[in-house]
Each structure stands twice: as structure tokens, then as C-alpha cells.
Protein backbone atom coordinates (compact mmCIF):
# COMPACT_ATOMS: atom_id res chain seq x y z
CA MET A 1 -69.43 -87.76 32.92
CA SER A 2 -69.46 -84.08 33.96
CA ASP A 3 -66.68 -83.94 36.54
CA LEU A 4 -65.07 -80.51 35.97
CA ILE A 5 -65.94 -76.84 36.52
CA LEU A 6 -64.77 -74.23 34.00
CA ALA A 7 -63.93 -70.82 35.48
CA ILE A 8 -63.32 -67.76 33.32
CA ASP A 9 -61.29 -65.03 35.02
CA GLN A 10 -61.39 -61.91 32.86
CA GLY A 11 -58.82 -59.43 34.18
CA THR A 12 -57.31 -56.08 33.30
CA THR A 13 -54.40 -57.39 31.23
CA GLY A 14 -55.46 -60.92 30.36
CA SER A 15 -58.11 -63.62 30.45
CA THR A 16 -57.56 -66.93 32.23
CA ALA A 17 -59.55 -70.15 31.95
CA ILE A 18 -59.13 -72.97 34.44
CA LEU A 19 -60.68 -76.40 34.86
CA VAL A 20 -61.20 -77.55 38.45
CA ASP A 21 -62.10 -81.02 39.70
CA ALA A 22 -64.19 -82.00 42.73
CA ARG A 23 -61.08 -81.96 44.94
CA SER A 24 -60.43 -78.31 44.02
CA ARG A 25 -57.41 -79.27 41.93
CA VAL A 26 -56.67 -77.19 38.83
CA VAL A 27 -56.32 -79.75 36.04
CA ALA A 28 -55.76 -77.24 33.23
CA SER A 29 -55.11 -73.52 32.93
CA CYS A 30 -54.53 -71.10 30.06
CA THR A 31 -53.97 -67.32 30.09
CA VAL A 32 -54.18 -65.00 27.10
CA GLU A 33 -53.03 -61.39 27.33
CA PHE A 34 -54.67 -58.53 25.47
CA PRO A 35 -53.75 -54.85 25.00
CA ASN A 36 -54.79 -51.83 27.03
CA TYR A 37 -55.23 -48.58 25.12
CA PHE A 38 -54.14 -45.20 26.49
CA PRO A 39 -55.49 -42.52 24.12
CA ALA A 40 -54.40 -39.70 26.47
CA PRO A 41 -52.97 -39.33 29.97
CA GLY A 42 -55.43 -40.74 32.51
CA LEU A 43 -57.52 -42.53 29.88
CA VAL A 44 -57.58 -46.35 29.76
CA GLU A 45 -59.68 -48.39 27.33
CA HIS A 46 -60.27 -51.98 26.25
CA ASP A 47 -61.59 -53.43 23.01
CA ALA A 48 -64.32 -55.82 24.20
CA ALA A 49 -64.10 -57.81 20.96
CA GLU A 50 -60.45 -58.49 21.81
CA ILE A 51 -61.49 -59.51 25.33
CA TRP A 52 -64.01 -61.99 23.94
CA GLY A 53 -61.43 -63.32 21.48
CA GLY A 54 -58.98 -63.83 24.34
CA VAL A 55 -61.60 -65.67 26.39
CA ALA A 56 -62.29 -67.94 23.42
CA THR A 57 -58.57 -68.67 23.02
CA ALA A 58 -58.10 -69.34 26.75
CA VAL A 59 -61.07 -71.71 26.94
CA THR A 60 -59.95 -73.49 23.78
CA GLY A 61 -56.51 -73.82 25.35
CA VAL A 62 -57.71 -75.61 28.48
CA LEU A 63 -59.87 -77.95 26.39
CA ARG A 64 -57.03 -78.93 24.07
CA ASN A 65 -56.78 -82.41 25.58
CA ILE A 66 -60.03 -82.52 27.56
CA ASP A 67 -63.55 -83.33 26.34
CA ALA A 68 -65.87 -80.35 26.83
CA ALA A 69 -68.62 -82.81 27.77
CA ARG A 70 -66.87 -83.10 31.16
CA ILE A 71 -67.79 -79.50 32.06
CA ALA A 72 -70.56 -79.53 34.66
CA ALA A 73 -70.89 -75.74 34.89
CA ILE A 74 -69.20 -72.43 34.11
CA GLY A 75 -68.31 -69.60 36.49
CA ILE A 76 -67.37 -66.03 35.53
CA THR A 77 -65.26 -63.52 37.44
CA ASN A 78 -64.18 -60.17 36.08
CA GLN A 79 -62.50 -56.80 36.44
CA ARG A 80 -65.42 -55.07 38.06
CA GLU A 81 -65.88 -51.40 37.22
CA THR A 82 -64.80 -51.70 33.57
CA SER A 83 -68.00 -51.24 31.56
CA LEU A 84 -69.44 -50.81 28.09
CA PHE A 85 -72.52 -50.73 25.87
CA TRP A 86 -73.16 -53.42 23.26
CA ASP A 87 -75.81 -54.36 20.69
CA ALA A 88 -78.55 -56.51 22.24
CA ALA A 89 -79.00 -58.49 19.03
CA THR A 90 -75.44 -58.99 17.78
CA GLY A 91 -73.32 -58.54 20.92
CA ALA A 92 -71.10 -56.07 19.06
CA PRO A 93 -69.59 -53.38 21.33
CA ALA A 94 -70.87 -49.84 20.77
CA GLY A 95 -67.40 -48.47 21.53
CA ARG A 96 -64.39 -49.27 23.63
CA ALA A 97 -64.92 -50.28 27.24
CA LEU A 98 -63.81 -47.73 29.82
CA VAL A 99 -61.46 -49.45 32.26
CA TRP A 100 -61.70 -49.12 36.04
CA GLN A 101 -58.39 -47.21 35.95
CA ASP A 102 -59.80 -44.58 33.56
CA ARG A 103 -59.92 -41.10 35.13
CA ARG A 104 -61.77 -39.10 32.47
CA THR A 105 -64.80 -38.48 34.71
CA ALA A 106 -62.82 -36.98 37.61
CA ASP A 107 -64.22 -33.51 36.89
CA ARG A 108 -67.77 -34.87 36.77
CA CYS A 109 -67.28 -36.57 40.14
CA ASP A 110 -65.99 -33.30 41.55
CA GLU A 111 -69.04 -31.49 40.12
CA LEU A 112 -71.38 -33.98 41.82
CA ARG A 113 -69.54 -33.56 45.11
CA LYS A 114 -69.85 -29.78 44.91
CA ALA A 115 -73.57 -30.24 44.23
CA GLY A 116 -73.86 -32.07 47.55
CA LYS A 117 -74.50 -35.54 46.11
CA GLU A 118 -71.66 -37.45 47.79
CA GLU A 119 -73.59 -38.41 50.92
CA LEU A 120 -76.56 -39.62 48.87
CA PHE A 121 -74.39 -41.92 46.77
CA ARG A 122 -72.46 -43.16 49.80
CA ARG A 123 -75.61 -43.89 51.79
CA LYS A 124 -77.25 -45.87 49.02
CA THR A 125 -74.27 -47.53 47.32
CA GLY A 126 -71.54 -47.64 49.96
CA LEU A 127 -69.21 -45.94 47.46
CA VAL A 128 -67.54 -42.57 47.13
CA LEU A 129 -67.84 -40.37 44.07
CA ASP A 130 -64.74 -41.36 42.15
CA PRO A 131 -64.09 -42.07 38.45
CA TYR A 132 -63.04 -45.58 39.52
CA PHE A 133 -66.70 -46.63 39.56
CA SER A 134 -68.91 -47.41 36.59
CA GLY A 135 -71.77 -44.93 36.86
CA THR A 136 -70.01 -41.81 35.62
CA LYS A 137 -68.35 -43.92 32.91
CA ALA A 138 -71.83 -44.91 31.69
CA GLU A 139 -72.92 -41.28 31.75
CA TRP A 140 -69.84 -40.29 29.73
CA MET A 141 -70.50 -42.94 27.06
CA LEU A 142 -74.17 -41.97 26.84
CA THR A 143 -73.10 -38.37 26.29
CA HIS A 144 -70.09 -38.79 24.01
CA LEU A 145 -70.63 -41.92 21.89
CA ALA A 146 -72.87 -41.45 18.84
CA GLY A 147 -76.19 -43.31 19.01
CA VAL A 148 -75.60 -44.78 22.47
CA ALA A 149 -78.16 -42.65 24.34
CA GLU A 150 -80.91 -43.46 21.83
CA GLY A 151 -80.06 -47.16 21.67
CA ALA A 152 -79.88 -47.51 25.44
CA ALA A 153 -83.20 -45.76 26.02
CA CYS A 154 -85.12 -48.14 23.73
CA GLY A 155 -83.31 -51.31 24.80
CA LYS A 156 -81.42 -51.87 21.55
CA LEU A 157 -78.17 -51.42 23.43
CA ARG A 158 -77.28 -53.18 26.64
CA TYR A 159 -75.07 -51.76 29.37
CA GLY A 160 -73.03 -53.62 31.90
CA THR A 161 -69.73 -54.57 33.41
CA ILE A 162 -67.59 -57.28 31.81
CA ASP A 163 -69.45 -60.09 33.59
CA SER A 164 -72.66 -59.03 31.88
CA PHE A 165 -70.96 -58.83 28.49
CA LEU A 166 -69.49 -62.34 28.87
CA ALA A 167 -72.79 -63.73 30.16
CA HIS A 168 -74.53 -62.31 27.09
CA LYS A 169 -71.93 -63.78 24.73
CA LEU A 170 -72.18 -67.19 26.41
CA THR A 171 -75.92 -67.46 26.99
CA GLY A 172 -77.77 -64.55 25.41
CA GLU A 173 -79.01 -63.51 28.87
CA HIS A 174 -78.55 -59.97 30.21
CA VAL A 175 -77.64 -60.47 33.85
CA THR A 176 -75.24 -59.35 36.53
CA ASP A 177 -74.73 -60.28 40.19
CA PRO A 178 -74.91 -58.13 43.36
CA SER A 179 -71.12 -57.91 43.78
CA ASN A 180 -70.66 -56.34 40.35
CA ALA A 181 -73.84 -54.26 40.57
CA SER A 182 -72.64 -52.82 43.87
CA ARG A 183 -69.69 -51.18 42.06
CA THR A 184 -71.70 -49.12 39.59
CA LEU A 185 -72.95 -46.13 41.67
CA LEU A 186 -76.40 -47.15 40.38
CA PHE A 187 -77.32 -49.97 42.79
CA ASN A 188 -78.84 -49.65 46.26
CA ILE A 189 -76.89 -52.20 48.33
CA HIS A 190 -79.50 -52.19 51.11
CA GLU A 191 -82.50 -52.83 48.86
CA LEU A 192 -80.45 -54.96 46.43
CA ALA A 193 -81.97 -53.14 43.44
CA TRP A 194 -81.18 -50.51 40.81
CA ASP A 195 -81.99 -47.10 42.26
CA ASP A 196 -84.21 -44.77 40.23
CA GLU A 197 -82.92 -41.61 41.94
CA LEU A 198 -79.30 -42.44 41.14
CA LEU A 199 -80.19 -43.50 37.60
CA GLY A 200 -81.86 -40.13 37.15
CA ILE A 201 -78.87 -38.15 38.39
CA LEU A 202 -76.50 -39.92 35.97
CA GLY A 203 -79.02 -40.22 33.14
CA VAL A 204 -78.75 -43.99 32.76
CA PRO A 205 -81.92 -45.61 31.32
CA ARG A 206 -83.26 -48.59 33.27
CA ALA A 207 -84.03 -50.30 29.93
CA CYS A 208 -80.34 -50.99 29.26
CA LEU A 209 -79.50 -52.47 32.66
CA PRO A 210 -79.07 -56.19 33.44
CA ARG A 211 -81.21 -58.35 35.70
CA VAL A 212 -79.50 -58.97 39.07
CA VAL A 213 -79.21 -62.65 40.02
CA ASP A 214 -77.67 -64.53 42.97
CA ASN A 215 -73.95 -65.27 42.74
CA ALA A 216 -74.58 -69.03 42.61
CA GLY A 217 -77.40 -70.54 40.57
CA VAL A 218 -78.07 -71.33 36.92
CA PHE A 219 -78.99 -68.17 35.00
CA GLY A 220 -78.49 -69.52 31.49
CA THR A 221 -76.83 -72.17 29.36
CA THR A 222 -74.29 -71.87 26.56
CA ARG A 223 -75.85 -71.16 23.20
CA GLY A 224 -74.15 -70.68 19.85
CA VAL A 225 -70.75 -69.98 21.40
CA GLY A 226 -68.73 -71.98 18.86
CA PHE A 227 -65.83 -72.99 21.08
CA LEU A 228 -68.15 -74.67 23.63
CA PRO A 229 -71.08 -77.05 23.10
CA ASP A 230 -74.61 -75.79 23.72
CA GLY A 231 -76.36 -76.52 26.99
CA ILE A 232 -73.62 -76.08 29.63
CA PRO A 233 -75.05 -74.29 32.71
CA VAL A 234 -73.52 -70.92 33.57
CA SER A 235 -74.13 -70.87 37.30
CA GLY A 236 -71.61 -68.68 39.12
CA MET A 237 -70.58 -65.05 38.82
CA ALA A 238 -68.79 -62.49 41.00
CA GLY A 239 -66.56 -59.47 40.66
CA ASP A 240 -62.91 -60.39 40.92
CA GLN A 241 -62.26 -59.21 44.47
CA GLN A 242 -65.40 -60.72 45.95
CA SER A 243 -64.60 -63.90 44.04
CA ALA A 244 -61.14 -63.94 45.64
CA LEU A 245 -62.68 -63.44 49.09
CA PHE A 246 -64.88 -66.46 48.37
CA GLY A 247 -61.96 -68.42 46.91
CA GLN A 248 -59.97 -67.73 50.09
CA ALA A 249 -62.83 -69.28 52.11
CA CYS A 250 -63.30 -66.06 54.09
CA PHE A 251 -66.85 -66.98 55.02
CA SER A 252 -66.95 -65.70 58.61
CA PRO A 253 -67.20 -62.06 59.71
CA GLY A 254 -63.76 -60.66 60.53
CA MET A 255 -61.88 -62.72 57.93
CA ALA A 256 -59.86 -60.64 55.43
CA LYS A 257 -57.90 -61.13 52.24
CA CYS A 258 -55.68 -59.00 50.02
CA THR A 259 -55.25 -59.75 46.34
CA PHE A 260 -52.04 -58.41 44.84
CA GLY A 261 -52.84 -58.07 41.16
CA THR A 262 -52.66 -55.03 38.91
CA GLY A 263 -53.86 -53.20 42.01
CA ALA A 264 -54.05 -54.34 45.63
CA PHE A 265 -57.53 -55.07 46.92
CA LEU A 266 -58.33 -55.72 50.57
CA LEU A 267 -61.72 -57.07 51.63
CA LEU A 268 -63.04 -57.80 55.11
CA ASN A 269 -66.14 -59.95 55.58
CA THR A 270 -68.71 -58.13 57.75
CA GLY A 271 -71.45 -60.76 57.52
CA ALA A 272 -75.09 -59.71 57.20
CA VAL A 273 -74.30 -56.11 58.25
CA ALA A 274 -73.43 -53.41 55.71
CA VAL A 275 -70.94 -51.58 57.95
CA PRO A 276 -70.70 -47.88 57.04
CA SER A 277 -67.19 -46.52 56.72
CA HIS A 278 -65.93 -43.33 58.33
CA THR A 279 -62.35 -43.76 57.14
CA GLY A 280 -62.63 -43.71 53.36
CA MET A 281 -63.29 -47.44 52.93
CA LEU A 282 -66.10 -48.78 50.77
CA THR A 283 -69.10 -50.78 51.90
CA THR A 284 -69.85 -53.38 49.27
CA VAL A 285 -71.75 -56.58 48.63
CA GLY A 286 -69.62 -59.70 49.04
CA TRP A 287 -72.14 -62.16 47.61
CA ARG A 288 -75.73 -63.29 47.78
CA LEU A 289 -76.45 -67.00 48.14
CA ASP A 290 -79.99 -68.37 48.35
CA GLY A 291 -81.23 -64.82 48.83
CA GLN A 292 -78.96 -64.17 51.83
CA THR A 293 -76.52 -61.27 51.45
CA THR A 294 -72.98 -61.12 52.85
CA TYR A 295 -71.40 -57.67 52.96
CA ALA A 296 -67.77 -56.56 53.08
CA LEU A 297 -65.59 -53.53 53.69
CA GLU A 298 -63.13 -52.87 50.89
CA GLY A 299 -60.06 -50.77 50.33
CA SER A 300 -58.39 -50.53 46.95
CA ALA A 301 -54.92 -49.42 45.97
CA PHE A 302 -54.99 -48.80 42.23
CA VAL A 303 -51.36 -49.78 41.59
CA ALA A 304 -49.59 -52.88 42.95
CA GLY A 305 -48.35 -55.35 40.34
CA ALA A 306 -48.65 -52.50 37.85
CA ALA A 307 -45.77 -50.78 39.70
CA VAL A 308 -43.54 -53.77 38.97
CA GLN A 309 -44.69 -53.66 35.34
CA TRP A 310 -43.67 -49.99 35.32
CA LEU A 311 -40.19 -50.94 36.55
CA ARG A 312 -40.04 -53.41 33.68
CA ASP A 313 -41.70 -51.55 30.81
CA GLY A 314 -41.36 -47.89 31.81
CA LEU A 315 -37.90 -47.77 33.37
CA GLY A 316 -36.35 -50.95 31.97
CA LEU A 317 -34.83 -51.82 35.35
CA ILE A 318 -35.84 -55.48 35.04
CA GLY A 319 -36.38 -57.79 32.10
CA SER A 320 -39.34 -59.63 33.63
CA SER A 321 -41.60 -59.10 36.63
CA GLU A 322 -40.16 -62.18 38.33
CA GLU A 323 -36.72 -60.50 38.52
CA VAL A 324 -37.87 -57.79 40.94
CA GLU A 325 -37.47 -59.87 44.11
CA ALA A 326 -33.88 -60.83 43.32
CA LEU A 327 -33.03 -57.21 42.45
CA ALA A 328 -34.60 -55.92 45.68
CA ALA A 329 -32.65 -58.54 47.65
CA THR A 330 -29.30 -57.13 46.42
CA VAL A 331 -29.58 -54.43 49.10
CA PRO A 332 -30.27 -54.86 52.84
CA ASP A 333 -32.82 -52.03 52.96
CA ASN A 334 -34.32 -49.27 50.83
CA GLY A 335 -31.40 -46.86 51.45
CA GLY A 336 -33.83 -44.12 52.46
CA VAL A 337 -35.83 -44.35 49.20
CA VAL A 338 -39.62 -44.24 49.50
CA PHE A 339 -41.99 -44.90 46.60
CA VAL A 340 -45.65 -43.83 46.54
CA PRO A 341 -47.39 -45.92 43.83
CA ALA A 342 -49.92 -43.23 42.85
CA LEU A 343 -49.39 -43.89 39.14
CA ALA A 344 -53.19 -43.80 38.62
CA GLY A 345 -54.10 -41.55 41.55
CA LEU A 346 -54.56 -42.59 45.18
CA GLY A 347 -57.47 -44.84 46.12
CA ALA A 348 -58.73 -45.58 49.61
CA PRO A 349 -58.45 -44.13 52.19
CA HIS A 350 -57.21 -40.95 50.45
CA TRP A 351 -59.36 -40.82 47.28
CA ARG A 352 -57.17 -38.31 45.48
CA PRO A 353 -57.45 -39.02 41.74
CA GLU A 354 -55.13 -36.10 40.94
CA ALA A 355 -52.26 -37.55 43.02
CA ARG A 356 -49.24 -38.81 41.10
CA GLY A 357 -46.49 -41.28 41.87
CA ALA A 358 -43.46 -40.12 43.84
CA LEU A 359 -39.96 -41.53 44.30
CA LEU A 360 -38.33 -39.74 47.22
CA GLY A 361 -35.03 -39.86 49.09
CA LEU A 362 -32.76 -40.37 46.09
CA THR A 363 -29.01 -39.81 46.52
CA ARG A 364 -25.86 -40.51 44.53
CA GLY A 365 -25.71 -43.82 46.39
CA THR A 366 -29.15 -44.97 45.23
CA THR A 367 -29.03 -48.14 43.13
CA ARG A 368 -31.50 -50.12 41.03
CA GLY A 369 -31.87 -52.43 44.02
CA HIS A 370 -32.94 -49.61 46.31
CA VAL A 371 -35.58 -48.48 43.82
CA ALA A 372 -36.89 -52.04 43.38
CA ARG A 373 -37.08 -52.53 47.13
CA ALA A 374 -38.83 -49.19 47.63
CA VAL A 375 -41.44 -50.14 45.01
CA LEU A 376 -42.25 -53.42 46.78
CA GLU A 377 -42.38 -51.69 50.14
CA GLY A 378 -44.58 -48.91 48.78
CA VAL A 379 -47.17 -51.46 47.65
CA ALA A 380 -47.15 -53.09 51.11
CA LEU A 381 -47.40 -49.75 52.91
CA GLN A 382 -50.52 -48.89 50.91
CA VAL A 383 -52.12 -52.09 52.16
CA THR A 384 -51.18 -51.18 55.74
CA ASP A 385 -53.15 -47.94 55.47
CA LEU A 386 -56.14 -49.92 54.21
CA LEU A 387 -56.13 -52.54 56.97
CA ASP A 388 -55.76 -49.86 59.66
CA ALA A 389 -58.77 -47.98 58.33
CA MET A 390 -60.80 -51.17 57.96
CA ALA A 391 -60.12 -52.25 61.53
CA THR A 392 -61.27 -48.83 62.75
CA ASP A 393 -64.57 -49.15 60.85
CA ALA A 394 -65.15 -52.72 61.98
CA GLY A 395 -64.25 -51.92 65.58
CA ALA A 396 -61.85 -54.85 65.87
CA ALA A 397 -58.28 -55.60 64.86
CA VAL A 398 -57.65 -58.18 62.16
CA SER A 399 -55.41 -61.01 63.38
CA GLU A 400 -54.68 -62.60 60.02
CA LEU A 401 -54.53 -61.48 56.39
CA ARG A 402 -54.91 -64.05 53.65
CA VAL A 403 -52.89 -63.03 50.59
CA ASP A 404 -53.16 -64.08 46.96
CA GLY A 405 -52.52 -62.91 43.42
CA GLY A 406 -49.33 -62.99 41.38
CA ALA A 407 -47.28 -60.69 43.62
CA ALA A 408 -48.05 -62.85 46.66
CA ARG A 409 -45.41 -65.23 45.29
CA ASN A 410 -42.82 -62.61 46.26
CA ASP A 411 -41.51 -63.80 49.64
CA LEU A 412 -39.59 -60.59 50.31
CA MET A 413 -42.66 -58.42 49.83
CA MET A 414 -44.95 -60.73 51.82
CA GLN A 415 -42.50 -60.74 54.74
CA PHE A 416 -42.31 -56.94 54.65
CA GLN A 417 -46.11 -56.84 54.49
CA ALA A 418 -46.37 -58.91 57.68
CA ASP A 419 -43.63 -56.84 59.33
CA VAL A 420 -45.15 -53.45 58.63
CA LEU A 421 -48.68 -54.64 59.46
CA GLY A 422 -47.70 -56.43 62.63
CA VAL A 423 -50.12 -59.16 61.49
CA ARG A 424 -49.36 -62.60 60.09
CA CYS A 425 -49.93 -63.05 56.36
CA VAL A 426 -51.11 -66.45 55.17
CA ARG A 427 -50.53 -67.58 51.59
CA PRO A 428 -52.61 -70.45 50.18
CA THR A 429 -51.30 -73.28 48.04
CA ASN A 430 -53.44 -72.03 45.14
CA LEU A 431 -52.83 -68.35 44.41
CA GLU A 432 -55.46 -68.23 41.65
CA THR A 433 -58.14 -67.60 44.24
CA THR A 434 -60.11 -65.24 41.99
CA ALA A 435 -60.73 -67.97 39.43
CA MET A 436 -61.24 -70.52 42.21
CA GLY A 437 -63.97 -68.36 43.73
CA ALA A 438 -65.83 -68.34 40.41
CA ALA A 439 -65.39 -72.12 40.16
CA TYR A 440 -66.72 -72.63 43.69
CA LEU A 441 -69.74 -70.40 43.05
CA ALA A 442 -70.53 -72.21 39.79
CA GLY A 443 -70.13 -75.57 41.50
CA LEU A 444 -72.43 -74.55 44.36
CA GLY A 445 -74.95 -73.38 41.77
CA VAL A 446 -75.32 -76.90 40.34
CA GLY A 447 -74.63 -78.95 43.48
CA PHE A 448 -71.10 -79.90 42.44
CA TRP A 449 -70.06 -78.81 45.95
CA SER A 450 -72.61 -79.19 48.70
CA SER A 451 -71.95 -76.03 50.73
CA PRO A 452 -69.39 -73.33 51.60
CA ALA A 453 -68.16 -75.72 54.31
CA ALA A 454 -66.95 -78.03 51.54
CA VAL A 455 -64.97 -75.11 50.09
CA THR A 456 -63.39 -74.43 53.50
CA ALA A 457 -62.31 -78.06 53.70
CA ALA A 458 -60.58 -77.77 50.33
CA TRP A 459 -58.66 -74.56 51.13
CA ALA A 460 -55.01 -75.17 52.13
CA GLN A 461 -52.20 -72.86 53.22
CA ASP A 462 -48.74 -72.80 51.69
CA ARG A 463 -46.81 -70.49 54.03
CA VAL A 464 -47.33 -68.19 57.00
CA PHE A 465 -45.30 -64.96 57.22
CA GLU A 466 -45.02 -63.93 60.86
CA PRO A 467 -44.20 -60.29 61.69
CA GLY A 468 -40.60 -59.83 62.85
CA MET A 469 -40.13 -56.05 62.80
CA GLY A 470 -39.90 -54.23 66.12
CA PRO A 471 -42.50 -51.59 67.03
CA ASP A 472 -40.01 -48.68 66.86
CA ASP A 473 -38.80 -49.65 63.39
CA ARG A 474 -42.40 -50.17 62.25
CA ALA A 475 -43.41 -46.73 63.53
CA ARG A 476 -40.42 -45.12 61.79
CA ARG A 477 -41.23 -46.77 58.46
CA ARG A 478 -44.85 -45.77 58.64
CA ALA A 479 -44.06 -42.17 59.58
CA GLY A 480 -41.76 -41.87 56.57
CA TRP A 481 -44.50 -43.32 54.40
CA ALA A 482 -47.09 -40.82 55.68
CA THR A 483 -44.73 -37.94 54.88
CA ALA A 484 -44.21 -39.24 51.34
CA VAL A 485 -47.94 -39.69 50.73
CA ALA A 486 -48.56 -36.11 51.82
CA LYS A 487 -46.04 -34.94 49.22
CA ALA A 488 -47.66 -37.05 46.49
């Protein structure tokens, strides 16, 4: 009997596989980490063969004591803007994948802005010209990797984000979904199609691009995978942040979520309307179901959990990421220390790739605890900027923020987030909402769940963090933050 959904969540530092039953319970989970490569400052790469190996290990791990015949369908969610070229016949990568954090095309983005192309890209794609997105990464690989331009032009090489690569490895199909396509700088989010004018500007051949399919629906079945039997439908796919929005059951316009992962990603459902942003936010596709498109506003802070990893690996202030909350709690406040987490530039609403992290207000009395607390507060203050800008674009204040991701386990940071926002933060019982979104989409694609309403019924909250900070204190904190950001 096929009574489980397999979701593959391929992230920036690891790959997770989960098995979910009809009651939305996770019955098995396995995570496998893999390395990031930093060949020079600002450059971040992945070995896609290592990614695929990690996915195989994670899936094998969840099936250790479970018959694979119980899998009704497979869903994929992924780090979105990370992209690569690979051989259409063998699936072998044509070079390392360029990660969403990679900044090597900053000069090219600046060149396009100076040429007056920013408004064109924003109007068609909802995005700004920033190295964060995939299009200039594709252009760089076509220009700098031997044989890639020729192979892409004739269809021998395929191009795509990680979802497309995994879909090819699982099924042989070359597909993507609108949420991932909308992050490439190549996709018209209003026409829901690859855009020839944008392809021409960046020199990306249409022949190498994937077919765009709905987020839920069978687009292929497993074939020759090795660690899975043939014939399992692959029926759900979404970029990680849209998948988390879906996994948080934010199905109505005005509902918002923030995922605290490597970065912090805030999405606000805007329904059938692609709301243009005038505050540095992004307009993006949430999902397309049965041909109906749901749009979202998005703001991204590049560094969130990665700042805690930096405390651990870069400064050695903590032995594990879990220790940061206890260290921050050793002091009653930040002691005047402010941290701007611009370790990979500043994302929305600033879009300053050249910005760098800043730790300000240090004195002889500053302790490890003050630094830890400032790091957590800096992550939360970034999110505050995003939600403010989003509410301005949407023309309405957000009354609730649903939070998820690993750092959402940190009660101290979530309480500060609610305090500095002045908005309650709601944490669900299941923080793996990214993987859950992929599971829900896959299940909807094969009728395992009947409708989004069934997903809403399964969503449950763990804790609500109500704001307790007074307006004067909130204003003071936010003014100090604005001064620090200006210095960064």
C-alpha cells in the first residue's frame, strides 16, 4: 500500500529527506551535509555530484526500515538561484554549480544597470539586477567554462536550478516550476514563460532551458535511480521559500512567513495579483496549481543562521549552533553592541552587494554574551526592515508572522523578533515547513491530499510570541540599527 510521501529538501549546506503520512506526520527523516567551496572572496560553489550523492544517502537513510513500495509520490524543494549546466545524456555536471550567495557577477549587474536595463528586468521578472539571481550566473558559465556555450546552444547540455538537476537525475525529464523559474532573470512572471528579450541580453540559448510545469502534478516517474524503484511519480516541486510558504499553509492574501535558515526569507501572499514593489522587495511567483497562479512579495536577508555558524566556525565563540541562545542569555541586553549581518552583502531592501558585516559599539566591557546577543538581534532587525517594506508595498500592515527554519527554535531570538516588529510571531509544531511544502505539493499532485484546505487542517501551532517591548524602546533599537546599516 502506498501510504507515504517522500520529500527531498536540497539546501545550501545539506540535503534532507523526509517521509510524511496522510496525517502530515513525519515518520522518518535523514539529513546529509555536503561542503561549500570558496575559491576566492565572494565566490561560492557546489559540486553537483556531491549534492546528488548526499540526496541518495539521505533517501537511503529514511528507507532503512521502510519499504520503498509505500511511497505514493515524491516532492522536490531546493535552494533556488543556485544553478549549473549538465550533460543531457549522462547527467554529469559541466562544472561546479554557482551558489545563490556567489557574488562574481556583481560587476556585470552593475554594467547592465548603467546600460538602463534594470527597469526592463524588474518589469518582466519582478527582480532587481543582483548577482543573487541565476541569469548572470548562467551567462558567466557560458562565457568562462570550456565547451558550455557550444553544448548549450545545440541542446547537448542542459541548464537549470537544482530542482531541474534533481528532476533529471530522478526521471530523465528536463523540467522546472514557476517558483524556481521566477528567480532566474529569464522568466516573464506575467506571461509565465521564458522571455526571448531577456535571453538575448544574457546570451542564454532557449535550447538548454527546462519545460515549466505546475507545482503539483506528475511530470515524470523514477527511472534507473538505483536507490529507489522505478515508477514512483514525481509530482511536486517548488523553490525552498515558496515551498515553506505553502508548508505554512499561507494560502490567503496577506498571510506571511519568515524562514530562518542560512539566510532569512520573508514571503507575503498577494493572491492572483503580482504586486509591484517600490521599496526594494521582489515580486515573485508563489506557485501555480491547476493553471492558477499565486504571487508573493519577497524580501531576503542573505545571512541569518550563517551568522551563528560564523560565531561557531569563524570566531570560535561557541562549540555548536545550539549554544548561542544560552550564551546570549548570559547578559540582560546587548551592552550597546550592534551587529549588521552583511557577511555576503546586503539584500532587500538595500541591495548593496559590496556591503560587509559590521560589529559596532564594542568597549572593554563587551563580552562573548553581548556579541552573541547582538548577532541574534541583528538577524531579527533585518527581518523588521523587510516586513516594513512589504507592508508598504501591499498597502496593509501584517498582523501575524509565521516563523520556521532551524533558528526559529531559538526562543530568545523569536521573542526579540516579535518585540522589535510589534507583531506576534507564530511558530508551528513542525519547523521543517520547506520539506513539508514539497510533500504537500507532491501529495496534491496525486490526490494523496484532496485540496489546500486539507493542508490547512493539518497545520498546527507550537507557540505564539507576543510583542512586549514598548514603542519608545522599539524606536530606539531601530534607530540604532539604521545608523549601523548606514555604516556597513
